[in-house]
PDB file of all heavy atoms in Angstrom:
ATOM      1  N   ALA A   1     103.050 129.194 125.414  1.00  0.00           N
ATOM      2  CA  ALA A   1     104.349 129.895 125.350  1.00  0.00           C
ATOM      3  C   ALA A   1     105.482 128.982 125.816  1.00  0.00           C
ATOM      4  O   ALA A   1     105.610 127.862 125.333  1.00  0.00           O
ATOM      5  CB  ALA A   1     104.275 131.192 126.163  1.00  0.00           C
ATOM      6  N   ASP A   2     106.267 129.432 126.777  1.00  0.00           N
ATOM      7  CA  ASP A   2     107.449 128.673 127.202  1.00  0.00           C
ATOM      8  C   ASP A   2     107.102 127.385 127.939  1.00  0.00           C
ATOM      9  O   ASP A   2     107.982 126.547 128.173  1.00  0.00           O
ATOM     10  CB  ASP A   2     108.337 129.537 128.100  1.00  0.00           C
ATOM     11  CG  ASP A   2     108.997 130.679 127.344  1.00  0.00           C
ATOM     12  OD1 ASP A   2     109.071 130.593 126.098  1.00  0.00           O
ATOM     13  OD2 ASP A   2     109.421 131.659 127.986  1.00  0.00           O
ATOM     14  N   ASN A   3     105.844 127.229 128.311  1.00  0.00           N
ATOM     15  CA  ASN A   3     105.436 126.017 129.018  1.00  0.00           C
ATOM     16  C   ASN A   3     105.043 124.878 128.082  1.00  0.00           C
ATOM     17  O   ASN A   3     104.640 123.810 128.551  1.00  0.00           O
ATOM     18  CB  ASN A   3     104.279 126.312 129.981  1.00  0.00           C
ATOM     19  CG  ASN A   3     104.764 126.950 131.267  1.00  0.00           C
ATOM     20  OD1 ASN A   3     105.830 126.605 131.775  1.00  0.00           O
ATOM     21  ND2 ASN A   3     104.002 127.901 131.783  1.00  0.00           N
ATOM     22  N   LEU A   4     105.156 125.092 126.775  1.00  0.00           N
ATOM     23  CA  LEU A   4     104.951 124.000 125.819  1.00  0.00           C
ATOM     24  C   LEU A   4     106.301 123.322 125.609  1.00  0.00           C
ATOM     25  O   LEU A   4     107.160 123.821 124.878  1.00  0.00           O
ATOM     26  CB  LEU A   4     104.388 124.516 124.499  1.00  0.00           C
ATOM     27  CG  LEU A   4     103.988 123.440 123.489  1.00  0.00           C
ATOM     28  CD1 LEU A   4     102.857 122.571 124.033  1.00  0.00           C
ATOM     29  CD2 LEU A   4     103.573 124.068 122.165  1.00  0.00           C
ATOM     30  N   GLU A   5     106.499 122.194 126.269  1.00  0.00           N
ATOM     31  CA  GLU A   5     107.808 121.530 126.229  1.00  0.00           C
ATOM     32  C   GLU A   5     108.086 120.903 124.882  1.00  0.00           C
ATOM     33  O   GLU A   5     109.205 120.968 124.366  1.00  0.00           O
ATOM     34  CB  GLU A   5     107.877 120.450 127.319  1.00  0.00           C
ATOM     35  CG  GLU A   5     109.203 119.732 127.381  1.00  0.00           C
ATOM     36  CD  GLU A   5     109.276 118.720 128.511  1.00  0.00           C
ATOM     37  OE1 GLU A   5     109.449 119.149 129.670  1.00  0.00           O
ATOM     38  OE2 GLU A   5     109.146 117.498 128.234  1.00  0.00           O
ATOM     39  N   LYS A   6     107.069 120.282 124.299  1.00  0.00           N
ATOM     40  CA  LYS A   6     107.253 119.608 123.010  1.00  0.00           C
ATOM     41  C   LYS A   6     105.990 119.731 122.170  1.00  0.00           C
ATOM     42  O   LYS A   6     104.874 119.730 122.696  1.00  0.00           O
ATOM     43  CB  LYS A   6     107.568 118.121 123.199  1.00  0.00           C
ATOM     44  CG  LYS A   6     109.014 117.814 123.547  1.00  0.00           C
ATOM     45  CD  LYS A   6     109.285 116.329 123.555  1.00  0.00           C
ATOM     46  CE  LYS A   6     110.756 116.041 123.827  1.00  0.00           C
ATOM     47  NZ  LYS A   6     111.636 116.505 122.744  1.00  0.00           N
ATOM     48  N   MET A   7     106.197 119.810 120.861  1.00  0.00           N
ATOM     49  CA  MET A   7     105.118 119.686 119.890  1.00  0.00           C
ATOM     50  C   MET A   7     105.553 118.612 118.892  1.00  0.00           C
ATOM     51  O   MET A   7     106.594 118.736 118.259  1.00  0.00           O
ATOM     52  CB  MET A   7     104.846 121.007 119.176  1.00  0.00           C
ATOM     53  CG  MET A   7     103.689 120.945 118.189  1.00  0.00           C
ATOM     54  SD  MET A   7     103.373 122.529 117.340  1.00  0.00           S
ATOM     55  CE  MET A   7     102.712 123.521 118.678  1.00  0.00           C
ATOM     56  N   ILE A   8     104.757 117.554 118.789  1.00  0.00           N
ATOM     57  CA  ILE A   8     105.128 116.411 117.966  1.00  0.00           C
ATOM     58  C   ILE A   8     104.074 116.220 116.886  1.00  0.00           C
ATOM     59  O   ILE A   8     102.872 116.143 117.181  1.00  0.00           O
ATOM     60  CB  ILE A   8     105.263 115.139 118.829  1.00  0.00           C
ATOM     61  CG1 ILE A   8     106.333 115.356 119.911  1.00  0.00           C
ATOM     62  CG2 ILE A   8     105.610 113.932 117.965  1.00  0.00           C
ATOM     63  CD1 ILE A   8     106.401 114.247 120.943  1.00  0.00           C
ATOM     64  N   PHE A   9     104.502 116.148 115.634  1.00  0.00           N
ATOM     65  CA  PHE A   9     103.588 116.015 114.499  1.00  0.00           C
ATOM     66  C   PHE A   9     103.479 114.555 114.086  1.00  0.00           C
ATOM     67  O   PHE A   9     104.481 113.906 113.797  1.00  0.00           O
ATOM     68  CB  PHE A   9     104.079 116.841 113.308  1.00  0.00           C
ATOM     69  CG  PHE A   9     104.418 118.266 113.660  1.00  0.00           C
ATOM     70  CD1 PHE A   9     105.692 118.767 113.435  1.00  0.00           C
ATOM     71  CD2 PHE A   9     103.477 119.092 114.237  1.00  0.00           C
ATOM     72  CE1 PHE A   9     106.021 120.071 113.768  1.00  0.00           C
ATOM     73  CE2 PHE A   9     103.784 120.410 114.576  1.00  0.00           C
ATOM     74  CZ  PHE A   9     105.057 120.894 114.343  1.00  0.00           C
ATOM     75  N   ILE A  10     102.243 114.041 114.002  1.00  0.00           N
ATOM     76  CA  ILE A  10     102.024 112.640 113.664  1.00  0.00           C
ATOM     77  C   ILE A  10     101.270 112.474 112.350  1.00  0.00           C
ATOM     78  O   ILE A  10     101.595 111.614 111.543  1.00  0.00           O
ATOM     79  CB  ILE A  10     101.262 111.903 114.791  1.00  0.00           C
ATOM     80  CG1 ILE A  10     102.043 111.981 116.093  1.00  0.00           C
ATOM     81  CG2 ILE A  10     101.038 110.437 114.424  1.00  0.00           C
ATOM     82  CD1 ILE A  10     101.525 113.003 117.063  1.00  0.00           C
ATOM     83  N   GLY A  11     100.243 113.300 112.114  1.00  0.00           N
ATOM     84  CA  GLY A  11      99.422 113.115 110.913  1.00  0.00           C
ATOM     85  C   GLY A  11      98.794 114.408 110.447  1.00  0.00           C
ATOM     86  O   GLY A  11      99.134 115.499 110.917  1.00  0.00           O
ATOM     87  N   ALA A  12      97.828 114.279 109.514  1.00  0.00           N
ATOM     88  CA  ALA A  12      97.152 115.448 108.946  1.00  0.00           C
ATOM     89  C   ALA A  12      95.712 115.073 108.625  1.00  0.00           C
ATOM     90  O   ALA A  12      95.331 114.955 107.460  1.00  0.00           O
ATOM     91  CB  ALA A  12      97.880 115.930 107.700  1.00  0.00           C
ATOM     92  N   THR A  13      94.892 114.890 109.658  1.00  0.00           N
ATOM     93  CA  THR A  13      93.499 114.497 109.432  1.00  0.00           C
ATOM     94  C   THR A  13      92.666 115.641 108.866  1.00  0.00           C
ATOM     95  O   THR A  13      91.644 115.416 108.235  1.00  0.00           O
ATOM     96  CB  THR A  13      92.848 114.027 110.745  1.00  0.00           C
ATOM     97  OG1 THR A  13      92.883 115.100 111.692  1.00  0.00           O
ATOM     98  CG2 THR A  13      93.579 112.826 111.328  1.00  0.00           C
ATOM     99  N   ASP A  14      93.095 116.883 109.100  1.00  0.00           N
ATOM    100  CA  ASP A  14      92.370 118.048 108.595  1.00  0.00           C
ATOM    101  C   ASP A  14      92.861 118.355 107.181  1.00  0.00           C
ATOM    102  O   ASP A  14      93.785 119.139 106.984  1.00  0.00           O
ATOM    103  CB  ASP A  14      92.584 119.241 109.530  1.00  0.00           C
ATOM    104  CG  ASP A  14      91.668 120.417 109.210  1.00  0.00           C
ATOM    105  OD1 ASP A  14      91.171 120.490 108.073  1.00  0.00           O
ATOM    106  OD2 ASP A  14      91.469 121.265 110.094  1.00  0.00           O
ATOM    107  N   VAL A  15      92.218 117.724 106.209  1.00  0.00           N
ATOM    108  CA  VAL A  15      92.668 117.849 104.817  1.00  0.00           C
ATOM    109  C   VAL A  15      92.557 119.284 104.329  1.00  0.00           C
ATOM    110  O   VAL A  15      93.455 119.817 103.662  1.00  0.00           O
ATOM    111  CB  VAL A  15      91.865 116.903 103.901  1.00  0.00           C
ATOM    112  CG1 VAL A  15      92.288 117.076 102.441  1.00  0.00           C
ATOM    113  CG2 VAL A  15      92.067 115.450 104.329  1.00  0.00           C
ATOM    114  N   LYS A  16      91.470 119.974 104.649  1.00  0.00           N
ATOM    115  CA  LYS A  16      91.257 121.342 104.173  1.00  0.00           C
ATOM    116  C   LYS A  16      92.334 122.291 104.691  1.00  0.00           C
ATOM    117  O   LYS A  16      92.725 123.239 103.996  1.00  0.00           O
ATOM    118  CB  LYS A  16      89.871 121.836 104.590  1.00  0.00           C
ATOM    119  CG  LYS A  16      88.733 121.138 103.860  1.00  0.00           C
ATOM    120  CD  LYS A  16      87.380 121.711 104.251  1.00  0.00           C
ATOM    121  CE  LYS A  16      86.256 121.020 103.487  1.00  0.00           C
ATOM    122  NZ  LYS A  16      84.915 121.544 103.872  1.00  0.00           N
ATOM    123  N   ALA A  17      92.818 122.044 105.900  1.00  0.00           N
ATOM    124  CA  ALA A  17      93.834 122.922 106.473  1.00  0.00           C
ATOM    125  C   ALA A  17      95.136 122.877 105.695  1.00  0.00           C
ATOM    126  O   ALA A  17      95.950 123.796 105.786  1.00  0.00           O
ATOM    127  CB  ALA A  17      94.088 122.540 107.930  1.00  0.00           C
ATOM    128  N   GLN A  18      95.349 121.815 104.907  1.00  0.00           N
ATOM    129  CA  GLN A  18      96.584 121.700 104.135  1.00  0.00           C
ATOM    130  C   GLN A  18      96.615 122.669 102.957  1.00  0.00           C
ATOM    131  O   GLN A  18      97.672 122.923 102.378  1.00  0.00           O
ATOM    132  CB  GLN A  18      96.760 120.267 103.612  1.00  0.00           C
ATOM    133  CG  GLN A  18      96.619 119.178 104.666  1.00  0.00           C
ATOM    134  CD  GLN A  18      97.438 119.439 105.907  1.00  0.00           C
ATOM    135  OE1 GLN A  18      98.642 119.648 105.822  1.00  0.00           O
ATOM    136  NE2 GLN A  18      96.781 119.446 107.055  1.00  0.00           N
ATOM    137  N   GLU A  19      95.442 123.217 102.607  1.00  0.00           N
ATOM    138  CA  GLU A  19      95.361 124.112 101.455  1.00  0.00           C
ATOM    139  C   GLU A  19      95.839 125.525 101.778  1.00  0.00           C
ATOM    140  O   GLU A  19      96.133 126.305 100.892  1.00  0.00           O
ATOM    141  CB  GLU A  19      93.915 124.150 100.942  1.00  0.00           C
ATOM    142  CG  GLU A  19      93.387 122.784 100.507  1.00  0.00           C
ATOM    143  CD  GLU A  19      91.901 122.801 100.220  1.00  0.00           C
ATOM    144  OE1 GLU A  19      91.285 123.895 100.345  1.00  0.00           O
ATOM    145  OE2 GLU A  19      91.341 121.747  99.870  1.00  0.00           O
ATOM    146  N   ASN A  20      95.869 125.872 103.064  1.00  0.00           N
ATOM    147  CA  ASN A  20      96.204 127.247 103.438  1.00  0.00           C
ATOM    148  C   ASN A  20      97.197 127.237 104.596  1.00  0.00           C
ATOM    149  O   ASN A  20      96.822 127.272 105.767  1.00  0.00           O
ATOM    150  CB  ASN A  20      94.927 128.003 103.839  1.00  0.00           C
ATOM    151  CG  ASN A  20      95.200 129.458 104.151  1.00  0.00           C
ATOM    152  OD1 ASN A  20      96.184 130.021 103.685  1.00  0.00           O
ATOM    153  ND2 ASN A  20      94.337 130.066 104.953  1.00  0.00           N
ATOM    154  N   LYS A  21      98.460 127.179 104.258  1.00  0.00           N
ATOM    155  CA  LYS A  21      99.510 127.142 105.268  1.00  0.00           C
ATOM    156  C   LYS A  21      99.901 128.563 105.664  1.00  0.00           C
ATOM    157  O   LYS A  21     100.448 129.318 104.862  1.00  0.00           O
ATOM    158  CB  LYS A  21     100.741 126.407 104.727  1.00  0.00           C
ATOM    159  CG  LYS A  21     100.516 124.914 104.487  1.00  0.00           C
ATOM    160  CD  LYS A  21     100.421 124.164 105.790  1.00  0.00           C
ATOM    161  CE  LYS A  21     100.449 122.661 105.551  1.00  0.00           C
ATOM    162  NZ  LYS A  21     100.335 121.906 106.809  1.00  0.00           N
ATOM    163  N   MET A  22      99.609 128.943 106.905  1.00  0.00           N
ATOM    164  CA  MET A  22      99.960 130.278 107.371  1.00  0.00           C
ATOM    165  C   MET A  22     101.441 130.342 107.739  1.00  0.00           C
ATOM    166  O   MET A  22     102.096 129.322 107.962  1.00  0.00           O
ATOM    167  CB  MET A  22      99.091 130.654 108.581  1.00  0.00           C
ATOM    168  CG  MET A  22      99.265 129.755 109.785  1.00  0.00           C
ATOM    169  SD  MET A  22      98.148 130.207 111.131  1.00  0.00           S
ATOM    170  CE  MET A  22      98.792 131.808 111.588  1.00  0.00           C
ATOM    171  N   ALA A  23     101.951 131.558 107.803  1.00  0.00           N
ATOM    172  CA  ALA A  23     103.357 131.761 108.141  1.00  0.00           C
ATOM    173  C   ALA A  23     103.584 131.520 109.628  1.00  0.00           C
ATOM    174  O   ALA A  23     102.657 131.550 110.435  1.00  0.00           O
ATOM    175  CB  ALA A  23     103.765 133.180 107.763  1.00  0.00           C
ATOM    176  N   GLY A  24     104.836 131.288 109.974  1.00  0.00           N
ATOM    177  CA  GLY A  24     105.171 131.088 111.378  1.00  0.00           C
ATOM    178  C   GLY A  24     105.856 129.757 111.611  1.00  0.00           C
ATOM    179  O   GLY A  24     105.489 128.756 110.998  1.00  0.00           O
ATOM    180  N   ASP A  25     106.832 129.748 112.488  1.00  0.00           N
ATOM    181  CA  ASP A  25     107.601 128.543 112.787  1.00  0.00           C
ATOM    182  C   ASP A  25     107.046 127.875 114.037  1.00  0.00           C
ATOM    183  O   ASP A  25     107.029 128.469 115.118  1.00  0.00           O
ATOM    184  CB  ASP A  25     109.071 128.906 112.995  1.00  0.00           C
ATOM    185  CG  ASP A  25     109.919 127.681 113.275  1.00  0.00           C
ATOM    186  OD1 ASP A  25     109.459 126.554 112.973  1.00  0.00           O
ATOM    187  OD2 ASP A  25     111.040 127.855 113.795  1.00  0.00           O
ATOM    188  N   LEU A  26     106.601 126.644 113.894  1.00  0.00           N
ATOM    189  CA  LEU A  26     106.047 125.914 115.031  1.00  0.00           C
ATOM    190  C   LEU A  26     107.142 125.324 115.912  1.00  0.00           C
ATOM    191  O   LEU A  26     106.948 125.127 117.102  1.00  0.00           O
ATOM    192  CB  LEU A  26     105.121 124.794 114.536  1.00  0.00           C
ATOM    193  CG  LEU A  26     103.802 125.255 113.916  1.00  0.00           C
ATOM    194  CD1 LEU A  26     103.102 124.096 113.230  1.00  0.00           C
ATOM    195  CD2 LEU A  26     102.909 125.845 114.993  1.00  0.00           C
TER     196      LEU A  26
END
């Protein structure tokens, strides 16, 4: 929750996860 100061995106090693993008703002 509020204690997550930063989320930084670097790559996409999970190829299968790219096929099903769920809703929601990260």
